[in-house]
């Protein structure tokens, strides 16, 4: 599907929307008869699991039907709701949340919410994914700035868990709309390698969400900006950085820096150094033919046994097995 054809496709009335136009706005689709219900805080809610849709996929994508509403329900997965056109009013755990074109909302698992009546101009796109994909699977595929990406995703996930949802208002010059348009074209008109192309666009989407989250979350918190600078310094200088010289670089006492890093990331300075070095090792194993002992030396370890121990602790396999699996993934 070409981009210029996407809007026409999305605004066409689906069979479901045609049925809703012929019935009462309060009438629900018959598919709800097959959806299980659960008791939550004294009320009965629908339970959306998406089990069959996510069985062989990282994510599933859906355009919500117009001319109806979505009753209160909870998910067993994380949902990103994007307002492609028009507006959307959600009731999230009894709180009214109004969204307009370009806004995106991240809903954690088990959050009671409903969507009020959608009109003809309200095109709402939802992306569902297993929580493990966000917090673990995505991390290994975001490329550079591994420590920073891990910190931001963990922070994103924890905040969503704490607040139950995160709302990102549309930003000027925000490429998220363009990325989602490309995802939808591949999803609704799949061709050769569409799954891989969608997967690549999902990475781009999350990179933009992380960038927006960093700007939104840290814009008024100078102290939080500092941890990003520290993580970037550790990534750049993982072969030579020590607690002492890192503390001197930022003008702190080593004990204060150590406690600050632990409080902000949940990891010690030493653990972050090891993590960054193992990440570099995984890159060499995946993309070069350099022998394992040379890789260990390149990332700062002369003791091969110590390198094997730390690598196996992080990746649950030896470097050789990791290299083989990355070269010949299991289908």
Protein backbone atom coordinates (compact mmCIF):
# COMPACT_ATOMS: atom_id res chain seq x y z
CA UNK A 1 0.00 0.00 0.00
CA UNK A 2 1.30 3.44 -0.93
CA UNK A 3 1.32 6.18 1.71
CA UNK A 4 -1.05 8.33 -0.34
CA UNK A 5 -3.64 5.53 -0.24
CA UNK A 6 -3.48 4.96 3.52
CA UNK A 7 -5.86 7.69 4.66
CA UNK A 8 -8.52 6.60 2.17
CA UNK A 9 -8.17 3.02 3.44
CA UNK A 10 -8.36 3.98 7.13
CA UNK A 11 -11.41 6.20 6.66
CA UNK A 12 -13.35 3.61 4.69
CA UNK A 13 -16.12 2.06 6.75
CA UNK A 14 -15.33 -1.45 7.88
CA UNK A 15 -18.06 -4.07 8.20
CA UNK A 16 -17.94 -3.59 11.96
CA UNK A 17 -18.35 0.17 11.62
CA UNK A 18 -21.27 -0.26 9.21
CA UNK A 19 -23.01 -2.51 11.75
CA UNK A 20 -22.46 0.03 14.52
CA UNK A 21 -23.91 2.81 12.33
CA UNK A 22 -27.12 0.80 12.05
CA UNK A 23 -27.48 0.14 15.78
CA UNK A 24 -27.60 2.07 19.02
CA UNK A 25 -24.34 3.84 20.02
CA UNK A 26 -24.43 1.84 23.26
CA UNK A 27 -24.70 -1.52 21.50
CA UNK A 28 -21.59 -3.71 21.64
CA UNK A 29 -20.31 -6.07 18.99
CA UNK A 30 -21.29 -9.73 19.33
CA UNK A 31 -17.61 -10.58 19.71
CA UNK A 32 -17.84 -9.40 23.31
CA UNK A 33 -19.92 -12.49 24.07
CA UNK A 34 -16.77 -14.58 23.68
CA UNK A 35 -14.49 -12.29 25.71
CA UNK A 36 -13.99 -13.42 29.32
CA UNK A 37 -14.69 -11.13 32.26
CA UNK A 38 -12.85 -10.69 35.54
CA UNK A 39 -13.74 -9.09 38.85
CA UNK A 40 -11.65 -6.03 39.71
CA UNK A 41 -12.20 -3.83 42.77
CA UNK A 42 -15.83 -4.87 43.04
CA UNK A 43 -16.76 -4.48 39.38
CA UNK A 44 -16.83 -6.78 36.38
CA UNK A 45 -14.45 -5.95 33.51
CA UNK A 46 -13.62 -7.50 30.17
CA UNK A 47 -10.21 -9.18 29.92
CA UNK A 48 -8.32 -8.65 26.65
CA UNK A 49 -5.40 -11.06 26.38
CA UNK A 50 -4.48 -10.90 22.64
CA UNK A 51 -3.01 -14.38 23.12
CA UNK A 52 -3.80 -15.68 19.65
CA UNK A 53 -2.76 -12.44 17.91
CA UNK A 54 0.60 -12.35 19.72
CA UNK A 55 1.35 -16.06 19.49
CA UNK A 56 3.95 -15.71 16.72
CA UNK A 57 4.49 -11.94 16.73
CA UNK A 58 6.27 -9.31 18.76
CA UNK A 59 3.39 -6.88 18.39
CA UNK A 60 -0.14 -6.71 17.04
CA UNK A 61 -1.76 -3.63 15.52
CA UNK A 62 -5.41 -2.65 15.39
CA UNK A 63 -7.63 0.19 14.18
CA UNK A 64 -10.45 0.65 16.68
CA UNK A 65 -13.98 0.62 15.27
CA UNK A 66 -15.77 3.96 15.07
CA UNK A 67 -19.41 4.71 15.90
CA UNK A 68 -19.14 2.74 19.12
CA UNK A 69 -17.31 2.71 22.42
CA UNK A 70 -14.97 0.25 24.13
CA UNK A 71 -16.30 -0.79 27.54
CA UNK A 72 -14.13 -0.90 30.62
CA UNK A 73 -11.51 -3.62 30.37
CA UNK A 74 -7.98 -4.59 31.32
CA UNK A 75 -5.13 -6.00 29.23
CA UNK A 76 -2.61 -8.71 29.97
CA UNK A 77 -0.24 -6.83 27.64
CA UNK A 78 1.13 -3.31 27.27
CA UNK A 79 -0.84 -1.08 24.92
CA UNK A 80 0.21 2.00 23.00
CA UNK A 81 -2.80 3.98 21.84
CA UNK A 82 -2.18 6.54 19.09
CA UNK A 83 -4.62 9.15 17.85
CA UNK A 84 -4.09 9.08 14.10
CA UNK A 85 -6.93 11.51 13.45
CA UNK A 86 -9.57 13.33 15.46
CA UNK A 87 -9.68 12.80 19.19
CA UNK A 88 -10.10 10.11 21.81
CA UNK A 89 -11.42 10.26 25.35
CA UNK A 90 -10.37 7.49 27.70
CA UNK A 91 -11.45 6.81 31.26
CA UNK A 92 -8.33 5.33 32.87
CA UNK A 93 -8.95 4.03 36.37
CA UNK A 94 -11.74 6.60 36.79
CA UNK A 95 -9.61 9.46 35.41
CA UNK A 96 -10.71 11.23 32.23
CA UNK A 97 -7.91 11.54 29.66
CA UNK A 98 -8.56 13.53 26.48
CA UNK A 99 -6.22 12.94 23.55
CA UNK A 100 -6.00 14.69 20.19
CA UNK A 101 -4.28 13.95 16.88
CA UNK A 102 -0.63 12.98 17.37
CA UNK A 103 -0.92 12.08 21.06
CA UNK A 104 0.25 8.68 22.24
CA UNK A 105 -0.62 6.89 25.49
CA UNK A 106 1.24 3.98 27.06
CA UNK A 107 -1.00 1.79 29.21
CA UNK A 108 0.52 -0.74 31.57
CA UNK A 109 -0.90 -4.22 32.07
CA UNK A 110 -4.00 -4.64 34.25
CA UNK A 111 -5.04 -0.97 34.06
CA UNK A 112 -8.84 -0.55 33.96
CA UNK A 113 -9.80 1.75 31.10
CA UNK A 114 -12.48 2.41 28.54
CA UNK A 115 -12.76 4.45 25.35
CA UNK A 116 -15.74 6.73 24.82
CA UNK A 117 -17.73 6.93 21.58
CA UNK A 118 -15.59 7.41 18.46
CA UNK A 119 -16.95 9.54 15.63
CA UNK A 120 -16.30 9.40 11.89
CA UNK A 121 -13.11 11.50 12.12
CA UNK A 122 -11.62 9.56 15.05
CA UNK A 123 -9.03 7.09 13.77
CA UNK A 124 -7.44 5.35 16.76
CA UNK A 125 -4.53 2.94 16.31
CA UNK A 126 -3.49 0.57 19.08
CA UNK A 127 -0.25 -1.41 19.30
CA UNK A 128 -0.15 -4.29 21.78
CA UNK A 129 2.96 -6.09 22.98
CA UNK A 130 4.11 -8.41 25.71
CA UNK A 131 5.73 -6.54 28.59
CA UNK A 132 8.88 -8.64 28.25
CA UNK A 133 9.30 -7.34 24.71
CA UNK A 134 9.42 -3.76 25.96
CA UNK A 135 11.63 -4.29 28.99
CA UNK A 136 13.95 -7.01 27.69
CA UNK A 137 13.60 -7.93 24.02
CA UNK A 138 13.72 -4.37 22.75
CA UNK A 139 16.86 -3.51 24.67
CA UNK A 140 19.17 -5.74 22.66
CA UNK A 141 17.97 -4.22 19.40
CA UNK A 142 18.16 -0.48 19.97
CA UNK A 143 21.79 -0.20 18.95
CA UNK A 144 24.11 2.41 20.41
CA UNK A 145 23.83 3.96 23.88
CA UNK A 146 22.89 0.62 25.40
CA UNK A 147 23.20 1.81 29.00
CA UNK A 148 21.15 4.92 28.35
CA UNK A 149 18.47 3.00 26.45
CA UNK A 150 18.26 0.44 29.24
CA UNK A 151 17.93 3.18 31.85
CA UNK A 152 15.24 5.00 29.88
CA UNK A 153 13.18 1.88 29.10
CA UNK A 154 13.36 0.70 32.69
CA UNK A 155 12.35 4.17 33.83
CA UNK A 156 9.56 4.26 31.27
CA UNK A 157 8.27 0.87 32.38
CA UNK A 158 8.54 1.66 36.09
CA UNK A 159 6.76 4.98 35.72
CA UNK A 160 3.99 3.39 33.68
CA UNK A 161 3.65 0.75 36.39
CA UNK A 162 3.56 3.40 39.09
CA UNK A 163 1.25 5.87 37.35
CA UNK A 164 -0.51 3.17 35.29
CA UNK A 165 -0.24 5.18 32.10
CA UNK A 166 2.01 7.73 30.41
CA UNK A 167 0.70 10.37 28.03
CA UNK A 168 2.92 11.93 25.36
CA UNK A 169 1.45 15.03 23.80
CA UNK A 170 2.19 15.78 20.16
CA UNK A 171 5.48 17.58 19.63
CA UNK A 172 6.39 19.90 16.77
CA UNK A 173 8.38 18.18 14.04
CA UNK A 174 7.59 14.82 15.62
CA UNK A 175 8.30 11.93 13.17
CA UNK A 176 6.11 9.45 15.09
CA UNK A 177 3.14 10.02 12.77
CA UNK A 178 5.25 9.25 9.70
CA UNK A 179 6.66 6.08 11.31
CA UNK A 180 3.21 4.81 12.24
CA UNK A 181 1.96 5.49 8.71
CA UNK A 182 4.73 3.28 7.31
CA UNK A 183 3.92 0.56 9.86
CA UNK A 184 0.25 0.61 8.87
CA UNK A 185 1.01 0.40 5.15
CA UNK A 186 3.12 -2.73 5.72
CA UNK A 187 0.60 -4.21 8.14
CA UNK A 188 -2.52 -3.78 6.03
CA UNK A 189 -0.88 -4.63 2.70
CA UNK A 190 1.94 -7.08 3.54
CA UNK A 191 4.56 -7.99 1.00
CA UNK A 192 8.00 -9.55 0.95
CA UNK A 193 9.75 -9.08 4.33
CA UNK A 194 6.87 -6.99 5.74
CA UNK A 195 7.31 -8.55 9.20
CA UNK A 196 10.96 -7.53 9.27
CA UNK A 197 10.16 -4.06 7.95
CA UNK A 198 7.49 -3.58 10.62
CA UNK A 199 9.96 -4.80 13.21
CA UNK A 200 12.48 -2.19 12.03
CA UNK A 201 9.88 0.57 12.17
CA UNK A 202 8.93 -0.50 15.71
CA UNK A 203 12.56 0.09 16.68
CA UNK A 204 12.40 3.57 15.12
CA UNK A 205 9.11 4.23 16.89
CA UNK A 206 10.55 3.36 20.27
CA UNK A 207 13.69 5.38 19.64
CA UNK A 208 11.47 8.42 19.06
CA UNK A 209 9.33 7.61 22.11
CA UNK A 210 12.48 7.27 24.21
CA UNK A 211 13.79 10.58 22.88
CA UNK A 212 10.47 12.27 23.61
CA UNK A 213 10.32 10.61 27.03
CA UNK A 214 13.82 11.78 27.87
CA UNK A 215 12.97 15.35 26.89
CA UNK A 216 9.61 15.27 28.64
CA UNK A 217 10.69 13.44 31.76
CA UNK A 218 13.99 15.21 32.33
CA UNK A 219 13.28 18.69 30.97
CA UNK A 220 12.58 20.15 34.40
CA UNK A 221 14.89 17.92 36.42
CA UNK A 222 18.50 18.97 36.08
CA UNK A 223 19.61 16.24 38.49
CA UNK A 224 18.10 13.57 36.25
CA UNK A 225 19.94 14.98 33.24
CA UNK A 226 23.15 14.23 35.11
CA UNK A 227 22.63 10.46 35.19
CA UNK A 228 22.33 10.47 31.38
CA UNK A 229 25.69 12.28 31.17
CA UNK A 230 27.26 9.77 33.57
CA UNK A 231 25.92 6.77 31.64
CA UNK A 232 27.15 8.28 28.40
CA UNK A 233 30.61 8.78 29.96
CA UNK A 234 30.70 5.14 31.11
CA UNK A 235 29.67 3.91 27.66
CA UNK A 236 32.33 6.01 25.95
CA UNK A 237 35.12 5.20 28.41
CA UNK A 238 34.27 1.69 29.60
CA UNK A 239 37.85 0.45 29.02
CA UNK A 240 39.50 3.14 31.12
CA UNK A 241 36.82 4.50 33.45
CA UNK A 242 37.26 3.90 37.16
CA UNK A 243 35.07 5.10 39.98
CA UNK A 244 37.85 7.48 40.99
CA UNK A 245 38.46 9.14 37.61
CA UNK A 246 34.74 9.23 36.80
CA UNK A 247 34.06 10.98 40.12
CA UNK A 248 36.85 13.46 39.39
CA UNK A 249 35.43 14.10 35.91
CA UNK A 250 32.04 15.08 37.37
CA UNK A 251 33.45 16.78 40.49
CA UNK A 252 32.09 14.32 43.05
CA UNK A 253 33.53 12.25 45.85
CA UNK A 254 33.76 8.58 44.74
CA UNK A 255 31.49 7.43 47.58
CA UNK A 256 28.82 9.96 46.63
CA UNK A 257 29.00 9.02 42.94
CA UNK A 258 28.77 5.32 43.77
CA UNK A 259 25.65 5.84 45.89
CA UNK A 260 24.11 8.19 43.31
CA UNK A 261 24.55 5.69 40.45
CA UNK A 262 23.11 2.88 42.56
CA UNK A 263 20.09 4.98 43.52
CA UNK A 264 19.38 6.10 39.96
CA UNK A 265 19.98 2.86 38.05
CA UNK A 266 19.74 0.07 40.60
CA UNK A 267 23.24 -1.04 39.50
CA UNK A 268 26.68 -0.39 40.93
CA UNK A 269 29.38 1.42 38.97
CA UNK A 270 31.24 -1.87 38.54
CA UNK A 271 28.12 -3.64 37.26
CA UNK A 272 27.57 -0.92 34.66
CA UNK A 273 31.18 -1.22 33.45
CA UNK A 274 30.85 -5.01 33.13
CA UNK A 275 27.51 -4.68 31.36
CA UNK A 276 28.94 -2.24 28.81
CA UNK A 277 31.98 -4.43 28.16
CA UNK A 278 29.84 -7.54 27.72
CA UNK A 279 27.63 -5.62 25.31
CA UNK A 280 30.72 -4.72 23.28
CA UNK A 281 31.77 -8.36 23.34
CA UNK A 282 28.35 -9.43 22.04
CA UNK A 283 28.75 -6.99 19.15
CA UNK A 284 32.15 -8.45 18.19
CA UNK A 285 30.80 -11.99 18.46
CA UNK A 286 27.84 -11.17 16.22
CA UNK A 287 29.62 -9.15 13.57
CA UNK A 288 33.27 -10.28 13.35
CA UNK A 289 35.41 -13.42 13.21
CA UNK A 290 37.74 -12.19 15.96
CA UNK A 291 38.69 -15.12 18.25
CA UNK A 292 37.07 -15.10 21.68
CA UNK A 293 40.38 -14.59 23.51
CA UNK A 294 41.11 -11.49 21.39
CA UNK A 295 37.64 -10.11 22.08
CA UNK A 296 38.23 -10.55 25.79
CA UNK A 297 41.48 -8.61 25.48
CA UNK A 298 39.86 -5.88 23.36
CA UNK A 299 37.26 -5.17 26.03
CA UNK A 300 39.80 -5.08 28.84
CA UNK A 301 40.09 -8.63 30.21
CA UNK A 302 43.36 -10.55 30.23
CA UNK A 303 41.82 -13.25 32.42
CA UNK A 304 39.84 -15.35 29.92
CA UNK A 305 38.16 -17.36 32.67
CA UNK A 306 36.82 -14.19 34.29
CA UNK A 307 35.50 -13.00 30.92
CA UNK A 308 33.71 -16.32 30.32
CA UNK A 309 32.20 -16.16 33.80
CA UNK A 310 30.80 -12.65 33.37
CA UNK A 311 29.60 -13.24 29.81
CA UNK A 312 27.76 -16.41 30.79
CA UNK A 313 26.21 -14.66 33.79
CA UNK A 314 24.76 -11.97 31.52
CA UNK A 315 23.76 -13.97 28.42
CA UNK A 316 23.18 -17.41 30.01
CA UNK A 317 25.50 -19.07 27.50
CA UNK A 318 29.16 -19.17 26.52
CA UNK A 319 30.57 -16.70 23.97
CA UNK A 320 30.97 -19.49 21.40
CA UNK A 321 27.36 -20.62 21.71
CA UNK A 322 26.22 -16.99 21.55
CA UNK A 323 28.18 -16.47 18.31
CA UNK A 324 26.73 -19.63 16.79
CA UNK A 325 23.15 -18.68 17.67
CA UNK A 326 23.57 -15.17 16.32
CA UNK A 327 24.97 -16.54 13.05
CA UNK A 328 22.40 -19.36 12.78
CA UNK A 329 19.28 -18.32 14.68
CA UNK A 330 16.72 -20.97 15.52
CA UNK A 331 13.72 -20.67 13.22
